[in-house]
Amino acid sequence: MNRNDRAITGLVMVAHAMVHTYELSLPLLLPVWQATFTEVALPTGTFAVTGFVMGVVLTVGYAPFGLGALPGGVLADAYGSRRLILACLVGMGLSFLLLAVSPSLVAVAFALAVWGVAASVYHPSGLALISKGVEERGSAFAYHGVAGNVGIALGPLATALLLFGLGDWRAVVGLLAVPALVAAVAAARINVDETAAVDAGTATDGGADEEDEAADARASGSVSSFSEFLADSRLLFGGAFVLVFAAVMLSGLYYRGLLTFLPEILGEFPSLAPVEFAGRELAPQRYFYVGLLMVGVAGQYAGGRLTDLLPVELGLLGGYGALAVFAVLFLPVATLGLGPLVVMCALVGFFLFVVQPFYQATVAEYTPAGARGLSYGYTYLGVFGVGALGGAVAGGVLTYANDAALFAVLAAFGGLAALCGGVLYVRR
C-alpha cells in the first residue's frame, strides 16, 4: 500500500471499530435496562416492559443506523467521506453521554436514536472512501472488516467487564463515550486523497468507452438534485443490484434477529448458568456472546481475502446457505452440552461475518463509481435499516412463541439470501 492507501485504511479501521463497539454492546445492556425500567409510560398509557418492548426500543436505535445510510451515501458523494466520518465519531460519543443520564426507557430510546443517526453515515462514507481512494481495495476491505470485528468483540467484552466491575450501567455507558471522542480528535488530524484510485484508473485506462466514462463522470462529484438521485437510483435498481439489495436486507434481518437476544438465549442453557465470583454474580452467557463475536474477526478477514479468489456471488450462496443450515442445527446441537455449544457458536460467529466482505465487494462490482456512495447507502439501508426490524421480530417471536420458532425464522432469512446469491451466480 502507498501512503494514501495506508492513511485511508487506518482512518476507516478506527471509525469502523468504534461504530461496532457501540452497536454490539447494546444487547448486553438490554436485560439491564429491562430490570431497571419495569414499566414504560407513553401518551396512550403505561405498559409492562417485555422482551417485545425491549426489541422495539433497540429497533428505535438500530433503525436510523440503517435508514440514515441512504442520505449518508448521498452526502458522502456530495461533501466527501472524511467529514462524515468525523461527524459520526463526535455524534456517537455525545449520544452515549446522553444515554448515561437518561431517566426513563423513553429517554433511553431517544439516546439510542441519536446514536443511530450519528452512526448511520459511517458505512456508506467509509466504504465509498475505500472503493474510490484505495488502489489495493481487496486488502483494505479485509483490514477494514477485521477492525470492525475487533470493535464488535472488544466493545462487548469491555461492556461485560465494566458491568461486572462497576455494577452501574450509567457509569459504564459514560466511560464508553470516551473512545469515540478521542478517535474524533485523531481523525481530525488526518488528510487523504479521497479519489486517488479513481484518478489512477482513469489515467491508465485510455481505451474506456463513452458509456463507461459517463457512468463514472461523477466519481468524485455528487448527487446535486433530486432528479439525479432518481436517475442514479433507477440505474442501480434497473439491473442485478436489486438482487444484491434483497440479499443484504435478508442478511440484516438474520444478523439483528440473532444477535439482539443471543445473550438471553445463551443464558437459558444449564451449562451457562450464572455463578458467584468475588462477591458478584458472573454471567457466563455474556462472555460466550463475546467469544462468538471474536471468532467473527477470523471470518471477516477470511471473507475479505476470499473475495479476491472466488466469484463474489458464489460467496453469497455458500455463506448464507451455511447460516441457514446453522440456524436449523443450533438448538439441537447446543443442547448436547458445553462442547457442542462452543463449536456451534464458533461456526455461527465465523460465517455470520464471512458474508460481509462478499456483499460489500458485490456492491462494488455491480455499481458504477459515480454512484458508489449512493449504492452503499442503499446497501446499509437494507442491512441496518430494514435489518433493524430483526430485533423487533426476534422479540415478538420470543415473547409469543419460543426459541425454536426464532431459529426457524432465521433459517428462512438465510435460505432466501442464499437463493439471491445463487441467481446472481447463474446470471454471471
Protein backbone atom coordinates (compact mmCIF):
# COMPACT_ATOMS: atom_id res chain seq x y z
CA MET A 1 0.00 0.00 0.00
CA ASN A 2 1.11 3.55 -0.70
CA ARG A 3 0.93 6.38 1.84
CA ASN A 4 -2.60 7.45 0.88
CA ASP A 5 -3.84 3.85 0.98
CA ARG A 6 -2.43 3.42 4.48
CA ALA A 7 -3.89 6.71 5.73
CA ILE A 8 -7.37 5.88 4.43
CA THR A 9 -7.18 2.31 5.71
CA GLY A 10 -6.12 3.50 9.16
CA LEU A 11 -8.91 6.08 9.31
CA VAL A 12 -11.67 3.67 8.32
CA MET A 13 -10.32 0.94 10.60
CA VAL A 14 -10.54 3.20 13.66
CA ALA A 15 -14.01 4.51 12.76
CA HIS A 16 -15.33 1.06 11.86
CA ALA A 17 -14.11 -0.35 15.17
CA MET A 18 -15.87 2.46 17.06
CA VAL A 19 -19.19 2.01 15.24
CA HIS A 20 -19.36 -1.70 16.01
CA THR A 21 -18.03 -1.26 19.55
CA TYR A 22 -21.26 0.55 20.36
CA GLU A 23 -23.57 -1.41 18.09
CA LEU A 24 -22.89 -4.82 19.65
CA SER A 25 -22.52 -3.57 23.22
CA LEU A 26 -26.19 -2.63 23.30
CA PRO A 27 -27.60 -6.21 23.50
CA LEU A 28 -25.64 -6.70 26.74
CA LEU A 29 -27.34 -3.63 28.21
CA LEU A 30 -30.81 -4.75 27.14
CA PRO A 31 -31.51 -7.09 30.11
CA VAL A 32 -30.06 -4.48 32.50
CA TRP A 33 -32.48 -1.86 31.18
CA GLN A 34 -35.36 -4.33 31.34
CA ALA A 35 -34.59 -4.92 35.03
CA THR A 36 -34.21 -1.19 35.70
CA PHE A 37 -37.27 0.06 33.83
CA THR A 38 -40.09 -2.37 34.54
CA GLU A 39 -42.73 -0.09 33.01
CA VAL A 40 -42.79 2.37 30.14
CA ALA A 41 -45.08 5.40 30.18
CA LEU A 42 -46.48 6.55 26.84
CA PRO A 43 -49.25 9.06 25.99
CA THR A 44 -51.54 6.08 25.33
CA GLY A 45 -50.89 4.52 28.74
CA THR A 46 -48.37 2.64 30.88
CA PHE A 47 -47.13 -0.75 29.71
CA ALA A 48 -45.11 -3.54 31.27
CA VAL A 49 -41.66 -3.95 29.74
CA THR A 50 -41.47 -7.30 27.92
CA GLY A 51 -38.95 -8.78 25.52
CA PHE A 52 -41.02 -7.44 22.64
CA VAL A 53 -40.92 -3.91 24.14
CA MET A 54 -37.15 -4.11 24.56
CA GLY A 55 -36.81 -5.33 20.99
CA VAL A 56 -38.76 -2.28 19.82
CA VAL A 57 -36.61 0.04 21.96
CA LEU A 58 -33.43 -1.33 20.43
CA THR A 59 -35.00 -1.11 16.98
CA VAL A 60 -35.57 2.61 17.60
CA GLY A 61 -31.79 2.94 17.81
CA TYR A 62 -30.84 0.45 15.13
CA ALA A 63 -33.40 1.63 12.53
CA PRO A 64 -31.87 5.10 11.96
CA PHE A 65 -28.47 3.39 11.89
CA GLY A 66 -29.67 1.83 8.64
CA LEU A 67 -32.24 4.35 7.42
CA GLY A 68 -29.68 7.16 7.60
CA ALA A 69 -27.30 5.23 5.38
CA LEU A 70 -29.07 6.33 2.19
CA PRO A 71 -28.82 10.10 2.84
CA GLY A 72 -25.38 9.36 4.26
CA GLY A 73 -24.35 7.91 0.90
CA VAL A 74 -25.66 10.98 -0.93
CA LEU A 75 -23.79 13.25 1.50
CA ALA A 76 -20.60 11.20 1.06
CA ASP A 77 -20.74 11.79 -2.69
CA ALA A 78 -21.53 15.48 -2.17
CA TYR A 79 -19.21 16.55 0.66
CA GLY A 80 -16.60 13.84 0.97
CA SER A 81 -16.30 10.85 3.27
CA ARG A 82 -13.77 12.19 5.76
CA ARG A 83 -16.07 14.95 7.05
CA LEU A 84 -18.90 12.49 7.61
CA ILE A 85 -16.65 10.03 9.42
CA LEU A 86 -15.55 12.80 11.79
CA ALA A 87 -19.18 13.83 12.43
CA CYS A 88 -20.05 10.18 13.06
CA LEU A 89 -17.41 9.80 15.77
CA VAL A 90 -18.41 13.00 17.56
CA GLY A 91 -22.11 12.14 17.40
CA MET A 92 -21.65 8.63 18.76
CA GLY A 93 -19.62 9.86 21.72
CA LEU A 94 -22.19 12.54 22.58
CA SER A 95 -25.09 10.09 22.27
CA PHE A 96 -23.57 7.76 24.85
CA LEU A 97 -23.11 10.68 27.23
CA LEU A 98 -26.81 11.40 26.72
CA LEU A 99 -27.61 7.73 27.34
CA ALA A 100 -25.75 7.86 30.66
CA VAL A 101 -28.15 10.49 32.05
CA SER A 102 -31.39 9.05 30.60
CA PRO A 103 -34.05 8.95 33.35
CA SER A 104 -36.55 6.62 31.63
CA LEU A 105 -36.85 3.94 28.97
CA VAL A 106 -38.29 6.52 26.56
CA ALA A 107 -35.19 8.68 27.12
CA VAL A 108 -33.01 5.61 26.54
CA ALA A 109 -34.78 5.03 23.22
CA PHE A 110 -34.21 8.67 22.25
CA ALA A 111 -30.49 8.48 23.07
CA LEU A 112 -30.24 5.27 21.05
CA ALA A 113 -31.94 7.03 18.12
CA VAL A 114 -29.34 9.82 18.32
CA TRP A 115 -26.60 7.17 18.24
CA GLY A 116 -28.26 5.53 15.23
CA VAL A 117 -28.39 8.79 13.27
CA ALA A 118 -24.73 9.55 14.00
CA ALA A 119 -23.54 6.02 13.21
CA SER A 120 -25.64 5.74 10.05
CA VAL A 121 -23.31 7.82 7.87
CA TYR A 122 -20.25 5.67 8.53
CA HIS A 123 -20.71 2.64 6.26
CA PRO A 124 -21.60 4.45 3.02
CA SER A 125 -18.89 7.05 3.56
CA GLY A 126 -16.21 4.63 4.79
CA LEU A 127 -16.79 2.03 2.09
CA ALA A 128 -17.05 4.65 -0.65
CA LEU A 129 -13.75 6.08 0.61
CA ILE A 130 -12.08 2.69 0.27
CA SER A 131 -13.59 1.95 -3.14
CA LYS A 132 -12.57 5.32 -4.61
CA GLY A 133 -9.44 6.22 -2.67
CA VAL A 134 -7.53 2.95 -2.12
CA GLU A 135 -5.74 1.23 -5.00
CA GLU A 136 -5.33 -2.09 -3.13
CA ARG A 137 -9.06 -2.31 -2.46
CA GLY A 138 -9.29 -6.00 -1.56
CA SER A 139 -6.71 -5.74 1.21
CA ALA A 140 -8.27 -2.53 2.52
CA PHE A 141 -11.70 -4.20 2.71
CA ALA A 142 -10.11 -7.08 4.63
CA TYR A 143 -8.35 -4.81 7.16
CA HIS A 144 -11.48 -2.69 7.43
CA GLY A 145 -13.52 -5.78 8.24
CA VAL A 146 -11.04 -7.02 10.83
CA ALA A 147 -11.11 -3.64 12.58
CA GLY A 148 -14.89 -3.76 12.67
CA ASN A 149 -14.80 -7.19 14.24
CA VAL A 150 -12.22 -6.09 16.79
CA GLY A 151 -14.72 -3.43 17.82
CA ILE A 152 -17.54 -5.97 17.72
CA ALA A 153 -15.62 -8.26 20.08
CA LEU A 154 -13.74 -5.85 22.34
CA GLY A 155 -16.66 -3.43 22.77
CA PRO A 156 -18.98 -6.06 24.27
CA LEU A 157 -16.07 -7.51 26.25
CA ALA A 158 -15.32 -4.10 27.74
CA THR A 159 -19.02 -3.62 28.45
CA ALA A 160 -19.30 -7.01 30.17
CA LEU A 161 -16.20 -6.38 32.29
CA LEU A 162 -17.33 -2.87 33.23
CA LEU A 163 -20.80 -4.11 34.17
CA PHE A 164 -19.22 -6.78 36.36
CA GLY A 165 -16.66 -4.39 37.91
CA LEU A 166 -18.79 -1.26 38.35
CA GLY A 167 -22.31 -2.64 38.52
CA ASP A 168 -23.72 0.76 37.43
CA TRP A 169 -24.80 0.82 33.79
CA ARG A 170 -24.83 4.62 33.72
CA ALA A 171 -21.15 4.78 34.64
CA VAL A 172 -20.42 2.09 32.05
CA VAL A 173 -22.03 3.91 29.12
CA GLY A 174 -20.44 7.18 30.24
CA LEU A 175 -16.99 5.60 30.06
CA LEU A 176 -17.81 4.03 26.69
CA ALA A 177 -18.35 7.52 25.25
CA VAL A 178 -14.68 8.41 25.70
CA PRO A 179 -13.07 6.27 22.91
CA ALA A 180 -15.23 7.80 20.15
CA LEU A 181 -14.41 11.33 21.23
CA VAL A 182 -10.68 10.53 21.36
CA ALA A 183 -10.90 8.90 17.92
CA ALA A 184 -12.62 12.02 16.57
CA VAL A 185 -9.69 14.17 17.68
CA ALA A 186 -7.28 11.81 15.90
CA ALA A 187 -9.43 11.69 12.73
CA ALA A 188 -9.48 15.49 12.53
CA ARG A 189 -5.70 15.46 12.02
CA ILE A 190 -5.69 13.06 9.03
CA ASN A 191 -5.59 14.29 5.40
CA VAL A 192 -6.27 11.91 2.50
CA ASP A 193 -6.93 11.96 -1.25
CA GLU A 194 -10.46 10.53 -1.44
CA THR A 195 -10.44 9.78 -5.20
CA ALA A 196 -6.86 8.59 -5.74
CA ALA A 197 -7.87 5.15 -7.03
CA VAL A 198 -10.46 6.54 -9.44
CA ASP A 199 -7.97 9.11 -10.76
CA ALA A 200 -5.34 6.40 -11.21
CA GLY A 201 -7.76 4.13 -13.06
CA THR A 202 -8.82 6.96 -15.38
CA ALA A 203 -5.24 7.87 -16.16
CA THR A 204 -4.23 4.34 -17.14
CA ASP A 205 -7.36 3.22 -18.98
CA GLY A 206 -7.12 5.08 -22.26
CA GLY A 207 -9.48 2.68 -24.00
CA ALA A 208 -12.56 3.30 -21.89
CA ASP A 209 -15.66 3.79 -24.00
CA GLU A 210 -18.07 6.71 -23.74
CA GLU A 211 -20.63 4.72 -21.73
CA ASP A 212 -18.05 3.83 -19.04
CA GLU A 213 -16.89 7.45 -18.90
CA ALA A 214 -20.46 8.65 -18.46
CA ALA A 215 -21.08 6.14 -15.66
CA ASP A 216 -18.00 7.32 -13.79
CA ALA A 217 -18.33 11.02 -14.66
CA ARG A 218 -19.29 11.95 -11.11
CA ALA A 219 -16.86 9.56 -9.42
CA SER A 220 -15.54 12.46 -7.37
CA GLY A 221 -18.74 14.54 -7.54
CA SER A 222 -22.19 14.27 -6.04
CA VAL A 223 -25.91 13.85 -6.49
CA SER A 224 -26.76 17.53 -6.79
CA SER A 225 -30.52 17.30 -7.40
CA PHE A 226 -33.49 15.07 -6.74
CA SER A 227 -33.69 14.21 -10.42
CA GLU A 228 -30.09 12.97 -10.34
CA PHE A 229 -30.90 10.94 -7.22
CA LEU A 230 -33.82 9.32 -9.03
CA ALA A 231 -31.73 8.74 -12.16
CA ASP A 232 -28.93 7.07 -10.21
CA SER A 233 -31.46 5.01 -8.24
CA ARG A 234 -33.09 3.80 -11.46
CA LEU A 235 -29.63 2.96 -12.79
CA LEU A 236 -28.93 0.82 -9.71
CA PHE A 237 -32.27 -0.96 -9.40
CA GLY A 238 -32.76 -1.40 -13.13
CA GLY A 239 -30.22 -4.22 -13.08
CA ALA A 240 -28.93 -7.05 -10.93
CA PHE A 241 -28.31 -4.73 -7.98
CA VAL A 242 -31.92 -5.39 -6.97
CA LEU A 243 -30.90 -8.96 -6.10
CA VAL A 244 -27.89 -7.70 -4.16
CA PHE A 245 -30.21 -5.37 -2.22
CA ALA A 246 -32.61 -8.23 -1.43
CA ALA A 247 -29.72 -10.36 -0.16
CA VAL A 248 -28.39 -7.64 2.14
CA MET A 249 -31.86 -6.94 3.57
CA LEU A 250 -32.24 -10.60 4.47
CA SER A 251 -28.70 -10.61 5.83
CA GLY A 252 -29.56 -7.70 8.12
CA LEU A 253 -32.70 -9.40 9.39
CA TYR A 254 -30.70 -12.56 10.20
CA TYR A 255 -27.86 -10.60 11.83
CA ARG A 256 -30.05 -8.42 14.02
CA GLY A 257 -32.58 -11.14 14.76
CA LEU A 258 -29.84 -13.43 16.06
CA LEU A 259 -27.61 -11.02 17.96
CA THR A 260 -30.23 -8.88 19.72
CA PHE A 261 -31.37 -11.61 22.11
CA LEU A 262 -28.47 -14.04 21.81
CA PRO A 263 -27.11 -13.31 25.34
CA GLU A 264 -30.56 -14.04 26.76
CA ILE A 265 -30.92 -17.25 24.74
CA LEU A 266 -27.47 -18.46 25.78
CA GLY A 267 -28.35 -17.80 29.41
CA GLU A 268 -31.09 -20.44 29.19
CA PHE A 269 -28.59 -23.29 28.77
CA PRO A 270 -27.72 -25.03 32.09
CA SER A 271 -24.01 -25.05 31.19
CA LEU A 272 -24.06 -21.22 31.16
CA ALA A 273 -25.95 -20.65 34.42
CA PRO A 274 -24.80 -17.61 36.47
CA VAL A 275 -22.09 -18.20 39.07
CA GLU A 276 -20.84 -16.26 42.08
CA PHE A 277 -17.37 -14.73 41.70
CA ALA A 278 -15.66 -12.20 44.00
CA GLY A 279 -18.96 -11.44 45.69
CA ARG A 280 -20.75 -10.65 42.41
CA GLU A 281 -22.87 -12.68 40.02
CA LEU A 282 -20.91 -13.60 36.90
CA ALA A 283 -22.99 -14.15 33.74
CA PRO A 284 -21.11 -16.64 31.51
CA GLN A 285 -23.50 -16.07 28.58
CA ARG A 286 -22.09 -12.54 28.15
CA TYR A 287 -18.62 -13.92 27.57
CA PHE A 288 -19.88 -16.65 25.23
CA TYR A 289 -21.55 -13.90 23.24
CA VAL A 290 -18.23 -12.02 23.16
CA GLY A 291 -16.41 -15.20 22.12
CA LEU A 292 -18.77 -15.74 19.20
CA LEU A 293 -18.09 -12.20 18.03
CA MET A 294 -14.32 -12.67 18.40
CA VAL A 295 -14.45 -15.67 16.08
CA GLY A 296 -16.04 -13.27 13.63
CA VAL A 297 -12.67 -11.49 13.32
CA ALA A 298 -11.29 -14.56 11.56
CA GLY A 299 -14.44 -14.87 9.47
CA GLN A 300 -14.33 -11.24 8.37
CA TYR A 301 -10.67 -11.47 7.37
CA ALA A 302 -11.15 -14.78 5.57
CA GLY A 303 -14.11 -13.38 3.67
CA GLY A 304 -12.13 -10.31 2.64
CA ARG A 305 -9.28 -12.42 1.27
CA LEU A 306 -11.63 -14.85 -0.46
CA THR A 307 -13.27 -12.02 -2.42
CA ASP A 308 -10.04 -11.85 -4.43
CA LEU A 309 -10.13 -15.60 -5.13
CA LEU A 310 -13.79 -16.56 -5.62
CA PRO A 311 -16.72 -15.11 -7.56
CA VAL A 312 -18.49 -12.90 -5.05
CA GLU A 313 -21.86 -14.40 -5.99
CA LEU A 314 -20.62 -17.85 -5.04
CA GLY A 315 -19.53 -16.45 -1.69
CA LEU A 316 -23.06 -15.17 -1.06
CA LEU A 317 -24.58 -18.52 -1.99
CA GLY A 318 -22.24 -20.56 0.21
CA GLY A 319 -22.12 -18.18 3.16
CA TYR A 320 -25.84 -17.58 3.52
CA GLY A 321 -26.59 -21.23 2.81
CA ALA A 322 -24.32 -22.21 5.72
CA LEU A 323 -26.07 -19.71 8.02
CA ALA A 324 -29.45 -21.21 7.11
CA VAL A 325 -28.19 -24.70 8.00
CA PHE A 326 -26.68 -23.50 11.28
CA ALA A 327 -29.98 -21.87 12.28
CA VAL A 328 -31.69 -25.24 11.87
CA LEU A 329 -28.99 -27.08 13.84
CA PHE A 330 -28.25 -24.51 16.57
CA LEU A 331 -30.66 -25.59 19.31
CA PRO A 332 -30.43 -29.39 18.75
CA VAL A 333 -26.61 -29.25 18.82
CA ALA A 334 -26.29 -26.66 21.61
CA THR A 335 -28.46 -28.70 23.99
CA LEU A 336 -25.99 -31.64 23.79
CA GLY A 337 -23.60 -29.92 26.21
CA LEU A 338 -20.93 -27.28 26.59
CA GLY A 339 -18.58 -28.66 23.92
CA PRO A 340 -21.15 -28.80 21.11
CA LEU A 341 -22.40 -25.34 22.16
CA VAL A 342 -18.87 -23.94 21.80
CA VAL A 343 -18.49 -25.48 18.34
CA MET A 344 -21.87 -24.23 17.13
CA CYS A 345 -21.26 -20.69 18.40
CA ALA A 346 -17.84 -20.65 16.71
CA LEU A 347 -19.31 -21.76 13.36
CA VAL A 348 -22.14 -19.23 13.52
CA GLY A 349 -19.74 -16.44 14.50
CA PHE A 350 -17.36 -17.30 11.67
CA PHE A 351 -19.96 -17.47 8.88
CA LEU A 352 -22.02 -14.56 10.20
CA PHE A 353 -19.10 -12.30 9.30
CA VAL A 354 -17.59 -14.20 6.36
CA VAL A 355 -20.50 -12.97 4.22
CA GLN A 356 -19.97 -9.28 4.93
CA PRO A 357 -16.88 -8.69 2.71
CA PHE A 358 -18.64 -10.66 -0.03
CA TYR A 359 -21.70 -8.42 -0.14
CA GLN A 360 -19.53 -5.30 0.18
CA ALA A 361 -17.42 -6.41 -2.79
CA THR A 362 -20.55 -7.45 -4.70
CA VAL A 363 -21.90 -3.91 -4.40
CA ALA A 364 -18.63 -2.55 -5.83
CA GLU A 365 -18.86 -4.94 -8.79
CA TYR A 366 -22.50 -4.19 -9.63
CA THR A 367 -22.40 -0.36 -9.41
CA PRO A 368 -20.57 2.49 -11.23
CA ALA A 369 -18.05 4.56 -9.26
CA GLY A 370 -20.13 7.72 -9.69
CA ALA A 371 -22.98 6.21 -7.66
CA ARG A 372 -20.82 4.25 -5.22
CA GLY A 373 -21.73 6.31 -2.16
CA LEU A 374 -25.42 6.06 -3.05
CA SER A 375 -25.13 2.32 -3.66
CA TYR A 376 -23.55 1.73 -0.26
CA GLY A 377 -26.23 3.99 1.20
CA TYR A 378 -28.89 1.67 -0.20
CA THR A 379 -26.88 -1.34 0.95
CA TYR A 380 -26.79 -0.26 4.58
CA LEU A 381 -30.35 0.96 4.39
CA GLY A 382 -31.10 -2.70 3.71
CA VAL A 383 -28.63 -4.22 6.18
CA PHE A 384 -29.22 -1.96 9.18
CA GLY A 385 -32.45 -0.13 8.30
CA VAL A 386 -34.73 -2.91 7.16
CA GLY A 387 -32.50 -5.31 9.10
CA ALA A 388 -33.26 -3.41 12.32
CA LEU A 389 -36.71 -4.98 12.21
CA GLY A 390 -34.97 -8.26 13.01
CA GLY A 391 -34.71 -7.15 16.64
CA ALA A 392 -38.44 -6.47 16.91
CA VAL A 393 -39.22 -9.69 15.04
CA ALA A 394 -36.98 -11.66 17.40
CA GLY A 395 -38.52 -10.02 20.47
CA GLY A 396 -42.02 -10.73 19.23
CA VAL A 397 -41.26 -14.37 18.38
CA LEU A 398 -39.61 -14.97 21.76
CA THR A 399 -42.46 -13.26 23.61
CA TYR A 400 -45.31 -15.04 21.83
CA ALA A 401 -43.64 -18.29 20.68
CA ASN A 402 -40.26 -19.81 21.59
CA ASP A 403 -36.57 -20.15 20.71
CA ALA A 404 -37.21 -22.87 18.12
CA ALA A 405 -39.60 -20.59 16.22
CA LEU A 406 -37.00 -17.82 16.18
CA PHE A 407 -34.32 -20.07 14.69
CA ALA A 408 -36.81 -21.30 12.07
CA VAL A 409 -37.40 -17.69 11.02
CA LEU A 410 -33.63 -17.10 10.89
CA ALA A 411 -33.19 -20.17 8.71
CA ALA A 412 -35.74 -18.76 6.26
CA PHE A 413 -33.84 -15.45 6.09
CA GLY A 414 -30.57 -17.25 5.39
CA GLY A 415 -32.08 -19.56 2.79
CA LEU A 416 -33.66 -16.70 0.83
CA ALA A 417 -30.40 -14.72 0.89
CA ALA A 418 -28.56 -17.78 -0.44
CA LEU A 419 -31.14 -18.03 -3.21
CA CYS A 420 -30.38 -14.45 -4.26
CA GLY A 421 -26.67 -15.30 -4.39
CA GLY A 422 -27.42 -18.39 -6.47
CA VAL A 423 -29.46 -16.42 -9.01
CA LEU A 424 -26.66 -13.85 -9.30
CA TYR A 425 -24.13 -16.64 -9.83
CA VAL A 426 -26.24 -18.19 -12.60
CA ARG A 427 -26.66 -14.80 -14.29
CA ARG A 428 -22.91 -14.25 -14.12
